[in-house]
Amino acid sequence: MTLPLTDTALIGTCLAAAALGVLVLTSSGGNGATDSAPVAVTQEAAPEVSTEEALAQLGIGSSAQGTEVDPEFGARVRAYLLENPEVIFEAVAVFEERNAQAQADMGRAVIEANADALFNDGYSWVGGNPEGDITLVEFVDYRCGFCQRALDEVMTLLEADPDIRLIIKEFPILGPESDLASRFAISVLRLGDDEAYDSVHHSLLGHTGPISPEFLAGLAEELGLDFDAISAEMESDEVTNIITENRALAQRLQISGTPTFVMEDEMIRGFVDAEVLIELAETLREDAR
């Protein structure tokens, strides 16, 4: 069975193959000949290199620089790898695991450095249980189809877990209609109350057609909101600053797509089922005990 490789695994495989190539060159007198079939590292043929060039590419000094590779040792390593090629993939798996852990640790550090902006900015809508022990932040664009799909998953999470504090970050990135929708939602929150924003949030995520001033006027009328006041607020510096701050926060967190979730110190990029969020919340609680 052929297993799909991630980018990091592929890189690790290429590095392992390159290392094997150096050993082959060293143990076979530098001509690269082997008793086995050649391994295709990339789709394009790799240029021929000398032993010294191969060593230099791996950061290993040549014999002229005082570093020598024992041909007998190289031959033994080569023979072992040819007899046990699975070792290369085991090494790649370890490399990938360590790389993933390093990325996760870096992500947690960035989240911690931006904790106030994420969890206590003073202007984002807070729903679910405001006193909940687990906070979920969602970066949303109302024109994003996956955000629209994620609404049901988030609602399922809130129904299944009454101790989730939900924060919505308006993050319009898909053009003028996205910006218009976010300005409308933010203005409703600033002028109205949490319930009014919640209704607008659901309505916008449930809307699949164009978002125009006429549509927003109709939505305001349907929800009993003052559209003239909302329109004036949409052009205010305060609304512009909120969107600017959210975009700056997303940039610091290296968020470029929606939906993106931050649950406590864990980041989830893209659409996920409610079960994933429910399980993560349970894991975070267990880790905190």
C-alpha atoms as a PDB file:
ATOM      1  CA  MET A   1       0.000   0.000   0.000  1.00  0.00           C
ATOM      2  CA  THR A   2       1.353   3.437  -0.905  1.00  0.00           C
ATOM      3  CA  LEU A   3       0.962   6.008   1.832  1.00  0.00           C
ATOM      4  CA  PRO A   4       0.454   9.685   0.933  1.00  0.00           C
ATOM      5  CA  LEU A   5       3.259  11.942   2.134  1.00  0.00           C
ATOM      6  CA  THR A   6       2.812  15.395   3.586  1.00  0.00           C
ATOM      7  CA  ASP A   7       5.130  18.180   2.453  1.00  0.00           C
ATOM      8  CA  THR A   8       7.374  17.725   5.465  1.00  0.00           C
ATOM      9  CA  ALA A   9       7.462  13.988   4.984  1.00  0.00           C
ATOM     10  CA  LEU A  10       8.403  14.445   1.333  1.00  0.00           C
ATOM     11  CA  ILE A  11      11.198  16.824   2.297  1.00  0.00           C
ATOM     12  CA  GLY A  12      12.413  14.368   4.900  1.00  0.00           C
ATOM     13  CA  THR A  13      12.338  11.569   2.347  1.00  0.00           C
ATOM     14  CA  CYS A  14      14.376  13.620  -0.103  1.00  0.00           C
ATOM     15  CA  LEU A  15      16.910  14.447   2.605  1.00  0.00           C
ATOM     16  CA  ALA A  16      17.147  10.806   3.580  1.00  0.00           C
ATOM     17  CA  ALA A  17      17.605   9.841  -0.053  1.00  0.00           C
ATOM     18  CA  ALA A  18      20.278  12.512  -0.429  1.00  0.00           C
ATOM     19  CA  ALA A  19      22.076  11.180   2.630  1.00  0.00           C
ATOM     20  CA  LEU A  20      21.881   7.675   1.214  1.00  0.00           C
ATOM     21  CA  GLY A  21      23.305   9.012  -2.042  1.00  0.00           C
ATOM     22  CA  VAL A  22      26.300  10.437  -0.197  1.00  0.00           C
ATOM     23  CA  LEU A  23      26.946   7.111   1.454  1.00  0.00           C
ATOM     24  CA  VAL A  24      26.635   5.380  -1.891  1.00  0.00           C
ATOM     25  CA  LEU A  25      29.110   7.761  -3.474  1.00  0.00           C
ATOM     26  CA  THR A  26      31.498   7.367  -0.564  1.00  0.00           C
ATOM     27  CA  SER A  27      31.382   3.606  -0.362  1.00  0.00           C
ATOM     28  CA  SER A  28      31.514   2.965  -4.119  1.00  0.00           C
ATOM     29  CA  GLY A  29      34.502   5.094  -4.970  1.00  0.00           C
ATOM     30  CA  GLY A  30      32.537   8.178  -5.984  1.00  0.00           C
ATOM     31  CA  ASN A  31      30.860   6.969  -9.192  1.00  0.00           C
ATOM     32  CA  GLY A  32      27.388   6.528  -7.675  1.00  0.00           C
ATOM     33  CA  ALA A  33      26.959   2.956  -8.968  1.00  0.00           C
ATOM     34  CA  THR A  34      24.828   0.616  -6.889  1.00  0.00           C
ATOM     35  CA  ASP A  35      23.603  -2.914  -7.087  1.00  0.00           C
ATOM     36  CA  SER A  36      19.993  -1.814  -6.736  1.00  0.00           C
ATOM     37  CA  ALA A  37      17.672   0.163  -8.971  1.00  0.00           C
ATOM     38  CA  PRO A  38      18.038   3.966  -8.676  1.00  0.00           C
ATOM     39  CA  VAL A  39      15.572   5.833  -6.487  1.00  0.00           C
ATOM     40  CA  ALA A  40      13.634   8.682  -8.134  1.00  0.00           C
ATOM     41  CA  VAL A  41      13.914  11.622  -5.755  1.00  0.00           C
ATOM     42  CA  THR A  42      12.142  14.180  -7.934  1.00  0.00           C
ATOM     43  CA  GLN A  43      10.351  14.159 -11.249  1.00  0.00           C
ATOM     44  CA  GLU A  44      13.310  15.827 -12.882  1.00  0.00           C
ATOM     45  CA  ALA A  45      16.592  14.031 -13.154  1.00  0.00           C
ATOM     46  CA  ALA A  46      18.987  15.111 -10.448  1.00  0.00           C
ATOM     47  CA  PRO A  47      22.298  16.576 -11.728  1.00  0.00           C
ATOM     48  CA  GLU A  48      25.374  14.482 -11.211  1.00  0.00           C
ATOM     49  CA  VAL A  49      27.538  15.697  -8.361  1.00  0.00           C
ATOM     50  CA  SER A  50      30.875  14.664  -6.994  1.00  0.00           C
ATOM     51  CA  THR A  51      31.300  13.217  -3.529  1.00  0.00           C
ATOM     52  CA  GLU A  52      32.658  16.516  -2.246  1.00  0.00           C
ATOM     53  CA  GLU A  53      29.745  18.469  -3.735  1.00  0.00           C
ATOM     54  CA  ALA A  54      27.232  16.081  -2.210  1.00  0.00           C
ATOM     55  CA  LEU A  55      28.892  16.379   1.180  1.00  0.00           C
ATOM     56  CA  ALA A  56      28.935  20.174   0.884  1.00  0.00           C
ATOM     57  CA  GLN A  57      25.201  20.244   0.120  1.00  0.00           C
ATOM     58  CA  LEU A  58      24.596  18.410   3.384  1.00  0.00           C
ATOM     59  CA  GLY A  59      26.870  20.779   5.296  1.00  0.00           C
ATOM     60  CA  ILE A  60      29.627  18.187   5.702  1.00  0.00           C
ATOM     61  CA  GLY A  61      33.175  19.232   5.042  1.00  0.00           C
ATOM     62  CA  SER A  62      35.246  17.374   2.449  1.00  0.00           C
ATOM     63  CA  SER A  63      38.392  15.432   3.202  1.00  0.00           C
ATOM     64  CA  ALA A  64      40.349  18.459   2.069  1.00  0.00           C
ATOM     65  CA  GLN A  65      38.839  20.335   4.987  1.00  0.00           C
ATOM     66  CA  GLY A  66      39.939  17.699   7.425  1.00  0.00           C
ATOM     67  CA  THR A  67      36.743  15.589   7.575  1.00  0.00           C
ATOM     68  CA  GLU A  68      36.880  12.079   6.173  1.00  0.00           C
ATOM     69  CA  VAL A  69      34.145   9.483   5.846  1.00  0.00           C
ATOM     70  CA  ASP A  70      35.239   5.947   6.602  1.00  0.00           C
ATOM     71  CA  PRO A  71      34.442   3.983   3.416  1.00  0.00           C
ATOM     72  CA  GLU A  72      33.900   0.809   5.416  1.00  0.00           C
ATOM     73  CA  PHE A  73      31.443   2.538   7.729  1.00  0.00           C
ATOM     74  CA  GLY A  74      29.642   4.074   4.767  1.00  0.00           C
ATOM     75  CA  ALA A  75      29.369   0.684   3.112  1.00  0.00           C
ATOM     76  CA  ARG A  76      27.881  -0.839   6.252  1.00  0.00           C
ATOM     77  CA  VAL A  77      25.314   1.956   6.593  1.00  0.00           C
ATOM     78  CA  ARG A  78      24.422   1.670   2.922  1.00  0.00           C
ATOM     79  CA  ALA A  79      23.986  -2.071   3.156  1.00  0.00           C
ATOM     80  CA  TYR A  80      21.804  -1.733   6.237  1.00  0.00           C
ATOM     81  CA  LEU A  81      19.540   0.856   4.610  1.00  0.00           C
ATOM     82  CA  LEU A  82      19.196  -1.235   1.472  1.00  0.00           C
ATOM     83  CA  GLU A  83      18.219  -4.223   3.578  1.00  0.00           C
ATOM     84  CA  ASN A  84      15.951  -2.146   5.841  1.00  0.00           C
ATOM     85  CA  PRO A  85      14.545   0.748   3.759  1.00  0.00           C
ATOM     86  CA  GLU A  86      11.648   1.150   6.196  1.00  0.00           C
ATOM     87  CA  VAL A  87      14.099   2.813   8.565  1.00  0.00           C
ATOM     88  CA  ILE A  88      14.118   5.860   6.284  1.00  0.00           C
ATOM     89  CA  PHE A  89      10.349   6.223   6.607  1.00  0.00           C
ATOM     90  CA  GLU A  90      10.553   5.711  10.357  1.00  0.00           C
ATOM     91  CA  ALA A  91      13.036   8.578  10.508  1.00  0.00           C
ATOM     92  CA  VAL A  92      10.748  10.706   8.332  1.00  0.00           C
ATOM     93  CA  ALA A  93       7.812   9.967  10.669  1.00  0.00           C
ATOM     94  CA  VAL A  94       9.854  11.089  13.679  1.00  0.00           C
ATOM     95  CA  PHE A  95      10.943  14.198  11.783  1.00  0.00           C
ATOM     96  CA  GLU A  96       7.343  15.021  10.857  1.00  0.00           C
ATOM     97  CA  GLU A  97       6.139  14.493  14.420  1.00  0.00           C
ATOM     98  CA  ARG A  98       8.827  16.764  15.830  1.00  0.00           C
ATOM     99  CA  ASN A  99       8.121  19.387  13.185  1.00  0.00           C
ATOM    100  CA  ALA A 100       4.378  19.312  13.928  1.00  0.00           C
ATOM    101  CA  GLN A 101       5.087  19.652  17.645  1.00  0.00           C
ATOM    102  CA  ALA A 102       7.392  22.610  17.012  1.00  0.00           C
ATOM    103  CA  GLN A 103       4.719  24.305  14.892  1.00  0.00           C
ATOM    104  CA  ALA A 104       2.081  23.675  17.563  1.00  0.00           C
ATOM    105  CA  ASP A 105       4.342  25.113  20.271  1.00  0.00           C
ATOM    106  CA  MET A 106       4.994  28.171  18.132  1.00  0.00           C
ATOM    107  CA  GLY A 107       1.250  28.583  17.520  1.00  0.00           C
ATOM    108  CA  ARG A 108       0.536  28.448  21.261  1.00  0.00           C
ATOM    109  CA  ALA A 109       3.195  31.068  21.916  1.00  0.00           C
ATOM    110  CA  VAL A 110       1.654  33.409  19.328  1.00  0.00           C
ATOM    111  CA  ILE A 111      -1.824  32.872  20.792  1.00  0.00           C
ATOM    112  CA  GLU A 112      -0.530  33.615  24.289  1.00  0.00           C
ATOM    113  CA  ALA A 113       1.162  36.798  23.070  1.00  0.00           C
ATOM    114  CA  ASN A 114      -2.156  37.967  21.567  1.00  0.00           C
ATOM    115  CA  ALA A 115      -4.472  36.644  24.264  1.00  0.00           C
ATOM    116  CA  ASP A 116      -6.006  40.003  25.187  1.00  0.00           C
ATOM    117  CA  ALA A 117      -6.787  40.881  21.566  1.00  0.00           C
ATOM    118  CA  LEU A 118      -8.279  37.429  21.035  1.00  0.00           C
ATOM    119  CA  PHE A 119     -10.324  36.911  24.170  1.00  0.00           C
ATOM    120  CA  ASN A 120     -10.915  40.362  25.689  1.00  0.00           C
ATOM    121  CA  ASP A 121     -10.890  43.032  22.979  1.00  0.00           C
ATOM    122  CA  GLY A 122     -13.974  44.782  24.349  1.00  0.00           C
ATOM    123  CA  TYR A 123     -15.778  45.101  21.020  1.00  0.00           C
ATOM    124  CA  SER A 124     -16.349  41.598  19.610  1.00  0.00           C
ATOM    125  CA  TRP A 125     -19.650  39.811  20.178  1.00  0.00           C
ATOM    126  CA  VAL A 126     -19.595  37.266  23.012  1.00  0.00           C
ATOM    127  CA  GLY A 127     -22.159  34.471  22.951  1.00  0.00           C
ATOM    128  CA  GLY A 128     -22.696  30.993  24.259  1.00  0.00           C
ATOM    129  CA  ASN A 129     -21.976  31.065  27.974  1.00  0.00           C
ATOM    130  CA  PRO A 130     -20.110  34.331  28.729  1.00  0.00           C
ATOM    131  CA  GLU A 131     -18.901  32.726  31.967  1.00  0.00           C
ATOM    132  CA  GLY A 132     -17.869  29.452  30.315  1.00  0.00           C
ATOM    133  CA  ASP A 133     -14.567  27.798  31.156  1.00  0.00           C
ATOM    134  CA  ILE A 134     -13.588  27.236  27.495  1.00  0.00           C
ATOM    135  CA  THR A 135     -13.443  30.093  24.994  1.00  0.00           C
ATOM    136  CA  LEU A 136     -13.837  29.543  21.271  1.00  0.00           C
ATOM    137  CA  VAL A 137     -12.956  32.382  18.888  1.00  0.00           C
ATOM    138  CA  GLU A 138     -14.131  32.173  15.277  1.00  0.00           C
ATOM    139  CA  PHE A 139     -12.836  34.366  12.451  1.00  0.00           C
ATOM    140  CA  VAL A 140     -15.750  34.746  10.027  1.00  0.00           C
ATOM    141  CA  ASP A 141     -16.429  36.069   6.532  1.00  0.00           C
ATOM    142  CA  TYR A 142     -20.138  36.101   5.653  1.00  0.00           C
ATOM    143  CA  ARG A 143     -19.422  35.314   1.997  1.00  0.00           C
ATOM    144  CA  CYS A 144     -17.452  32.209   2.930  1.00  0.00           C
ATOM    145  CA  GLY A 145     -19.324  29.018   2.108  1.00  0.00           C
ATOM    146  CA  PHE A 146     -17.421  27.047   4.739  1.00  0.00           C
ATOM    147  CA  CYS A 147     -18.306  29.657   7.372  1.00  0.00           C
ATOM    148  CA  GLN A 148     -21.940  29.188   6.412  1.00  0.00           C
ATOM    149  CA  ARG A 149     -21.569  25.427   6.815  1.00  0.00           C
ATOM    150  CA  ALA A 150     -19.723  25.869  10.117  1.00  0.00           C
ATOM    151  CA  LEU A 151     -22.656  27.746  11.689  1.00  0.00           C
ATOM    152  CA  ASP A 152     -24.585  24.528  12.314  1.00  0.00           C
ATOM    153  CA  GLU A 153     -21.452  22.870  13.740  1.00  0.00           C
ATOM    154  CA  VAL A 154     -20.852  25.740  16.153  1.00  0.00           C
ATOM    155  CA  MET A 155     -24.494  25.688  17.240  1.00  0.00           C
ATOM    156  CA  THR A 156     -24.250  21.942  17.822  1.00  0.00           C
ATOM    157  CA  LEU A 157     -21.176  22.549  19.980  1.00  0.00           C
ATOM    158  CA  LEU A 158     -22.992  25.169  22.075  1.00  0.00           C
ATOM    159  CA  GLU A 159     -25.967  22.852  22.560  1.00  0.00           C
ATOM    160  CA  ALA A 160     -23.743  19.917  23.534  1.00  0.00           C
ATOM    161  CA  ASP A 161     -21.449  21.921  25.802  1.00  0.00           C
ATOM    162  CA  PRO A 162     -23.114  24.631  27.918  1.00  0.00           C
ATOM    163  CA  ASP A 163     -19.755  25.905  29.178  1.00  0.00           C
ATOM    164  CA  ILE A 164     -18.432  27.272  25.879  1.00  0.00           C
ATOM    165  CA  ARG A 165     -17.817  31.012  25.577  1.00  0.00           C
ATOM    166  CA  LEU A 166     -18.045  32.010  21.902  1.00  0.00           C
ATOM    167  CA  ILE A 167     -16.411  35.102  20.397  1.00  0.00           C
ATOM    168  CA  ILE A 168     -16.987  36.160  16.778  1.00  0.00           C
ATOM    169  CA  LYS A 169     -14.234  38.039  14.977  1.00  0.00           C
ATOM    170  CA  GLU A 170     -15.472  39.893  11.904  1.00  0.00           C
ATOM    171  CA  PHE A 171     -12.834  39.138   9.259  1.00  0.00           C
ATOM    172  CA  PRO A 172     -14.019  40.212   5.784  1.00  0.00           C
ATOM    173  CA  ILE A 173     -11.495  38.992   3.213  1.00  0.00           C
ATOM    174  CA  LEU A 174     -13.594  38.009   0.190  1.00  0.00           C
ATOM    175  CA  GLY A 175     -14.305  41.377  -1.348  1.00  0.00           C
ATOM    176  CA  PRO A 176     -16.600  44.405  -1.037  1.00  0.00           C
ATOM    177  CA  GLU A 177     -19.720  42.398  -0.181  1.00  0.00           C
ATOM    178  CA  SER A 178     -17.900  40.748   2.710  1.00  0.00           C
ATOM    179  CA  ASP A 179     -16.799  44.153   3.976  1.00  0.00           C
ATOM    180  CA  LEU A 180     -20.332  45.520   3.648  1.00  0.00           C
ATOM    181  CA  ALA A 181     -21.789  42.591   5.604  1.00  0.00           C
ATOM    182  CA  SER A 182     -19.246  42.876   8.419  1.00  0.00           C
ATOM    183  CA  ARG A 183     -19.760  46.631   8.694  1.00  0.00           C
ATOM    184  CA  PHE A 184     -23.509  46.026   8.968  1.00  0.00           C
ATOM    185  CA  ALA A 185     -23.077  43.376  11.681  1.00  0.00           C
ATOM    186  CA  ILE A 186     -20.580  45.429  13.686  1.00  0.00           C
ATOM    187  CA  SER A 187     -22.824  48.506  13.466  1.00  0.00           C
ATOM    188  CA  VAL A 188     -25.819  46.531  14.710  1.00  0.00           C
ATOM    189  CA  LEU A 189     -23.770  45.350  17.696  1.00  0.00           C
ATOM    190  CA  ARG A 190     -22.598  48.872  18.462  1.00  0.00           C
ATOM    191  CA  LEU A 191     -26.081  50.390  18.198  1.00  0.00           C
ATOM    192  CA  GLY A 192     -28.245  47.536  19.387  1.00  0.00           C
ATOM    193  CA  ASP A 193     -27.703  44.607  21.694  1.00  0.00           C
ATOM    194  CA  ASP A 194     -26.253  41.115  21.694  1.00  0.00           C
ATOM    195  CA  GLU A 195     -29.539  39.538  20.631  1.00  0.00           C
ATOM    196  CA  ALA A 196     -29.828  41.814  17.587  1.00  0.00           C
ATOM    197  CA  TYR A 197     -26.277  40.967  16.511  1.00  0.00           C
ATOM    198  CA  ASP A 198     -26.921  37.260  16.972  1.00  0.00           C
ATOM    199  CA  SER A 199     -29.964  37.493  14.696  1.00  0.00           C
ATOM    200  CA  VAL A 200     -28.001  39.409  12.051  1.00  0.00           C
ATOM    201  CA  HIS A 201     -25.096  36.975  12.299  1.00  0.00           C
ATOM    202  CA  HIS A 202     -27.357  33.995  11.637  1.00  0.00           C
ATOM    203  CA  SER A 203     -29.219  35.785   8.860  1.00  0.00           C
ATOM    204  CA  LEU A 204     -26.052  36.788   7.025  1.00  0.00           C
ATOM    205  CA  LEU A 205     -24.541  33.318   7.273  1.00  0.00           C
ATOM    206  CA  GLY A 206     -27.805  31.851   6.034  1.00  0.00           C
ATOM    207  CA  HIS A 207     -27.925  34.141   3.001  1.00  0.00           C
ATOM    208  CA  THR A 208     -26.464  32.782  -0.243  1.00  0.00           C
ATOM    209  CA  GLY A 209     -27.355  35.620  -2.610  1.00  0.00           C
ATOM    210  CA  PRO A 210     -25.669  38.968  -3.215  1.00  0.00           C
ATOM    211  CA  ILE A 211     -25.178  41.320  -0.281  1.00  0.00           C
ATOM    212  CA  SER A 212     -26.229  44.831  -1.277  1.00  0.00           C
ATOM    213  CA  PRO A 213     -27.479  47.925   0.563  1.00  0.00           C
ATOM    214  CA  GLU A 214     -30.989  46.995  -0.593  1.00  0.00           C
ATOM    215  CA  PHE A 215     -30.681  43.521   0.904  1.00  0.00           C
ATOM    216  CA  LEU A 216     -29.339  44.926   4.183  1.00  0.00           C
ATOM    217  CA  ALA A 217     -32.175  47.475   4.307  1.00  0.00           C
ATOM    218  CA  GLY A 218     -34.681  44.651   3.928  1.00  0.00           C
ATOM    219  CA  LEU A 219     -32.923  42.606   6.609  1.00  0.00           C
ATOM    220  CA  ALA A 220     -32.986  45.553   8.997  1.00  0.00           C
ATOM    221  CA  GLU A 221     -36.702  46.027   8.399  1.00  0.00           C
ATOM    222  CA  GLU A 222     -37.345  42.316   8.906  1.00  0.00           C
ATOM    223  CA  LEU A 223     -35.509  42.390  12.247  1.00  0.00           C
ATOM    224  CA  GLY A 224     -37.034  45.679  13.359  1.00  0.00           C
ATOM    225  CA  LEU A 225     -33.765  47.639  13.224  1.00  0.00           C
ATOM    226  CA  ASP A 226     -33.141  51.284  12.320  1.00  0.00           C
ATOM    227  CA  PHE A 227     -31.390  51.051   8.963  1.00  0.00           C
ATOM    228  CA  ASP A 228     -30.657  54.779   8.709  1.00  0.00           C
ATOM    229  CA  ALA A 229     -28.769  54.721  12.003  1.00  0.00           C
ATOM    230  CA  ILE A 230     -26.974  51.520  10.996  1.00  0.00           C
ATOM    231  CA  SER A 231     -25.962  52.996   7.632  1.00  0.00           C
ATOM    232  CA  ALA A 232     -24.433  56.035   9.319  1.00  0.00           C
ATOM    233  CA  GLU A 233     -22.558  53.862  11.791  1.00  0.00           C
ATOM    234  CA  MET A 234     -21.209  51.629   9.003  1.00  0.00           C
ATOM    235  CA  GLU A 235     -19.160  54.578   7.717  1.00  0.00           C
ATOM    236  CA  SER A 236     -17.759  55.495  11.111  1.00  0.00           C
ATOM    237  CA  ASP A 237     -14.076  55.383  12.033  1.00  0.00           C
ATOM    238  CA  GLU A 238     -14.912  53.095  14.937  1.00  0.00           C
ATOM    239  CA  VAL A 239     -16.243  50.362  12.661  1.00  0.00           C
ATOM    240  CA  THR A 240     -13.296  50.771  10.305  1.00  0.00           C
ATOM    241  CA  ASN A 241     -10.880  50.489  13.222  1.00  0.00           C
ATOM    242  CA  ILE A 242     -12.496  47.268  14.448  1.00  0.00           C
ATOM    243  CA  ILE A 243     -12.064  45.633  11.056  1.00  0.00           C
ATOM    244  CA  THR A 244      -8.496  46.950  10.830  1.00  0.00           C
ATOM    245  CA  GLU A 245      -7.667  45.562  14.284  1.00  0.00           C
ATOM    246  CA  ASN A 246      -9.136  42.160  13.428  1.00  0.00           C
ATOM    247  CA  ARG A 247      -7.105  41.992  10.222  1.00  0.00           C
ATOM    248  CA  ALA A 248      -3.934  42.985  12.069  1.00  0.00           C
ATOM    249  CA  LEU A 249      -4.608  40.300  14.682  1.00  0.00           C
ATOM    250  CA  ALA A 250      -5.175  37.708  11.971  1.00  0.00           C
ATOM    251  CA  GLN A 251      -1.893  38.693  10.340  1.00  0.00           C
ATOM    252  CA  ARG A 252      -0.011  38.254  13.620  1.00  0.00           C
ATOM    253  CA  LEU A 253      -1.608  34.825  14.009  1.00  0.00           C
ATOM    254  CA  GLN A 254      -0.849  33.980  10.356  1.00  0.00           C
ATOM    255  CA  ILE A 255      -4.560  33.539   9.631  1.00  0.00           C
ATOM    256  CA  SER A 256      -5.387  34.018   5.971  1.00  0.00           C
ATOM    257  CA  GLY A 257      -8.607  32.016   5.547  1.00  0.00           C
ATOM    258  CA  THR A 258     -12.002  31.473   7.076  1.00  0.00           C
ATOM    259  CA  PRO A 259     -13.315  29.928   9.126  1.00  0.00           C
ATOM    260  CA  THR A 260     -10.414  29.808  11.552  1.00  0.00           C
ATOM    261  CA  PHE A 261     -11.023  28.762  15.144  1.00  0.00           C
ATOM    262  CA  VAL A 262      -8.973  29.408  18.255  1.00  0.00           C
ATOM    263  CA  MET A 263     -10.026  27.345  21.242  1.00  0.00           C
ATOM    264  CA  GLU A 264      -7.990  28.409  24.259  1.00  0.00           C
ATOM    265  CA  ASP A 265      -4.399  27.792  23.059  1.00  0.00           C
ATOM    266  CA  GLU A 266      -5.240  25.597  20.069  1.00  0.00           C
ATOM    267  CA  MET A 267      -5.831  26.825  16.517  1.00  0.00           C
ATOM    268  CA  ILE A 268      -7.961  25.020  13.927  1.00  0.00           C
ATOM    269  CA  ARG A 269      -7.756  26.271  10.364  1.00  0.00           C
ATOM    270  CA  GLY A 270     -10.763  25.551   8.180  1.00  0.00           C
ATOM    271  CA  PHE A 271     -14.110  23.815   8.502  1.00  0.00           C
ATOM    272  CA  VAL A 272     -14.451  21.049  11.100  1.00  0.00           C
ATOM    273  CA  ASP A 273     -17.330  18.958  12.366  1.00  0.00           C
ATOM    274  CA  ALA A 274     -18.839  19.716  15.755  1.00  0.00           C
ATOM    275  CA  GLU A 275     -17.409  16.465  17.120  1.00  0.00           C
ATOM    276  CA  VAL A 276     -13.880  17.791  16.635  1.00  0.00           C
ATOM    277  CA  LEU A 277     -14.659  20.923  18.632  1.00  0.00           C
ATOM    278  CA  ILE A 278     -16.463  18.950  21.333  1.00  0.00           C
ATOM    279  CA  GLU A 279     -13.555  16.533  21.734  1.00  0.00           C
ATOM    280  CA  LEU A 280     -11.018  19.357  21.795  1.00  0.00           C
ATOM    281  CA  ALA A 281     -12.930  21.137  24.556  1.00  0.00           C
ATOM    282  CA  GLU A 282     -12.977  17.945  26.611  1.00  0.00           C
ATOM    283  CA  THR A 283      -9.248  17.417  26.045  1.00  0.00           C
ATOM    284  CA  LEU A 284      -8.433  20.979  27.088  1.00  0.00           C
ATOM    285  CA  ARG A 285     -10.412  20.535  30.301  1.00  0.00           C
ATOM    286  CA  GLU A 286      -8.635  17.271  31.073  1.00  0.00           C
ATOM    287  CA  ASP A 287      -5.238  18.864  30.456  1.00  0.00           C
ATOM    288  CA  ALA A 288      -6.116  21.730  32.776  1.00  0.00           C
ATOM    289  CA  ARG A 289      -6.876  19.398  35.691  1.00  0.00           C
END
